[in-house]
Amino acid sequence: MSAMTTAILLVGWCVLLVLSWPVALALLILAPLIWLLGLPFRLLGLIVDAVFALLRAVLMLPARLLGHRP
């Protein structure tokens, strides 16, 4: 995450803290839990991407053996 994104998130959270402190505190507590719940889906996406890359490599193997370069 870049420094600018971090600064924008911090300022946004401070504004939320001023406007509605219970929501800001709930967000502070629930954000790591939401990140943990999303982790398996990110891993699943990585696996699906790897499977498609493998399928593409297998399907393009005959062309590469015949000398075609992408």
C-alpha atoms as a PDB file:
ATOM      1  CA  MET A   1       0.000   0.000   0.000  1.00  0.00           C
ATOM      2  CA  SER A   2       1.403   3.386  -0.920  1.00  0.00           C
ATOM      3  CA  ALA A   3       1.935   6.174   1.570  1.00  0.00           C
ATOM      4  CA  MET A   4      -0.766   8.296  -0.085  1.00  0.00           C
ATOM      5  CA  THR A   5      -3.370   5.522   0.218  1.00  0.00           C
ATOM      6  CA  THR A   6      -2.460   5.028   3.864  1.00  0.00           C
ATOM      7  CA  ALA A   7      -2.796   8.759   4.541  1.00  0.00           C
ATOM      8  CA  ILE A   8      -6.195   8.914   2.823  1.00  0.00           C
ATOM      9  CA  LEU A   9      -7.432   5.929   4.843  1.00  0.00           C
ATOM     10  CA  LEU A  10      -6.196   7.510   8.066  1.00  0.00           C
ATOM     11  CA  VAL A  11      -7.863  10.843   7.320  1.00  0.00           C
ATOM     12  CA  GLY A  12     -11.083   9.056   6.338  1.00  0.00           C
ATOM     13  CA  TRP A  13     -11.060   7.072   9.560  1.00  0.00           C
ATOM     14  CA  CYS A  14     -10.457  10.260  11.596  1.00  0.00           C
ATOM     15  CA  VAL A  15     -13.418  11.956   9.895  1.00  0.00           C
ATOM     16  CA  LEU A  16     -15.539   8.888  10.638  1.00  0.00           C
ATOM     17  CA  LEU A  17     -14.331   9.009  14.250  1.00  0.00           C
ATOM     18  CA  VAL A  18     -15.496  12.621  14.573  1.00  0.00           C
ATOM     19  CA  LEU A  19     -18.842  11.983  12.889  1.00  0.00           C
ATOM     20  CA  SER A  20     -19.687   8.616  14.433  1.00  0.00           C
ATOM     21  CA  TRP A  21     -17.222   7.194  16.926  1.00  0.00           C
ATOM     22  CA  PRO A  22     -19.050   3.879  17.533  1.00  0.00           C
ATOM     23  CA  VAL A  23     -18.940   3.045  13.826  1.00  0.00           C
ATOM     24  CA  ALA A  24     -15.261   4.018  13.651  1.00  0.00           C
ATOM     25  CA  LEU A  25     -14.379   1.779  16.588  1.00  0.00           C
ATOM     26  CA  ALA A  26     -16.445  -1.090  15.166  1.00  0.00           C
ATOM     27  CA  LEU A  27     -14.603  -0.682  11.865  1.00  0.00           C
ATOM     28  CA  LEU A  28     -11.288  -0.733  13.695  1.00  0.00           C
ATOM     29  CA  ILE A  29     -12.219  -4.005  15.409  1.00  0.00           C
ATOM     30  CA  LEU A  30     -13.959  -5.705  12.464  1.00  0.00           C
ATOM     31  CA  ALA A  31     -11.482  -4.821   9.687  1.00  0.00           C
ATOM     32  CA  PRO A  32      -8.927  -7.533  10.612  1.00  0.00           C
ATOM     33  CA  LEU A  33     -11.722 -10.109  10.915  1.00  0.00           C
ATOM     34  CA  ILE A  34     -13.062  -9.213   7.463  1.00  0.00           C
ATOM     35  CA  TRP A  35      -9.518  -9.463   6.073  1.00  0.00           C
ATOM     36  CA  LEU A  36      -9.162 -12.942   7.594  1.00  0.00           C
ATOM     37  CA  LEU A  37     -12.513 -14.029   6.134  1.00  0.00           C
ATOM     38  CA  GLY A  38     -11.443 -12.836   2.675  1.00  0.00           C
ATOM     39  CA  LEU A  39      -8.085 -14.607   2.764  1.00  0.00           C
ATOM     40  CA  PRO A  40      -9.360 -18.027   1.551  1.00  0.00           C
ATOM     41  CA  PHE A  41     -11.033 -16.356  -1.440  1.00  0.00           C
ATOM     42  CA  ARG A  42      -7.755 -14.656  -2.384  1.00  0.00           C
ATOM     43  CA  LEU A  43      -5.965 -17.979  -2.138  1.00  0.00           C
ATOM     44  CA  LEU A  44      -8.664 -19.609  -4.263  1.00  0.00           C
ATOM     45  CA  GLY A  45      -8.210 -16.887  -6.878  1.00  0.00           C
ATOM     46  CA  LEU A  46      -4.472 -17.529  -6.917  1.00  0.00           C
ATOM     47  CA  ILE A  47      -5.049 -21.249  -7.436  1.00  0.00           C
ATOM     48  CA  VAL A  48      -7.549 -20.698 -10.250  1.00  0.00           C
ATOM     49  CA  ASP A  49      -5.123 -18.306 -11.948  1.00  0.00           C
ATOM     50  CA  ALA A  50      -2.343 -20.897 -11.707  1.00  0.00           C
ATOM     51  CA  VAL A  51      -4.588 -23.618 -13.169  1.00  0.00           C
ATOM     52  CA  PHE A  52      -5.489 -21.411 -16.140  1.00  0.00           C
ATOM     53  CA  ALA A  53      -1.810 -20.587 -16.692  1.00  0.00           C
ATOM     54  CA  LEU A  54      -1.011 -24.300 -16.678  1.00  0.00           C
ATOM     55  CA  LEU A  55      -3.821 -25.051 -19.144  1.00  0.00           C
ATOM     56  CA  ARG A  56      -2.614 -22.282 -21.439  1.00  0.00           C
ATOM     57  CA  ALA A  57       0.949 -23.612 -21.295  1.00  0.00           C
ATOM     58  CA  VAL A  58      -0.213 -27.156 -22.085  1.00  0.00           C
ATOM     59  CA  LEU A  59      -2.439 -26.019 -24.956  1.00  0.00           C
ATOM     60  CA  MET A  60       0.311 -23.848 -26.469  1.00  0.00           C
ATOM     61  CA  LEU A  61       3.006 -26.538 -26.149  1.00  0.00           C
ATOM     62  CA  PRO A  62       2.553 -27.984 -29.667  1.00  0.00           C
ATOM     63  CA  ALA A  63       2.883 -24.546 -31.235  1.00  0.00           C
ATOM     64  CA  ARG A  64       5.998 -23.801 -29.204  1.00  0.00           C
ATOM     65  CA  LEU A  65       7.517 -27.136 -30.222  1.00  0.00           C
ATOM     66  CA  LEU A  66       6.961 -26.206 -33.873  1.00  0.00           C
ATOM     67  CA  GLY A  67       8.858 -22.960 -33.379  1.00  0.00           C
ATOM     68  CA  HIS A  68       6.137 -20.326 -32.874  1.00  0.00           C
ATOM     69  CA  ARG A  69       7.115 -17.654 -30.348  1.00  0.00           C
ATOM     70  CA  PRO A  70       4.375 -15.525 -28.735  1.00  0.00           C
END
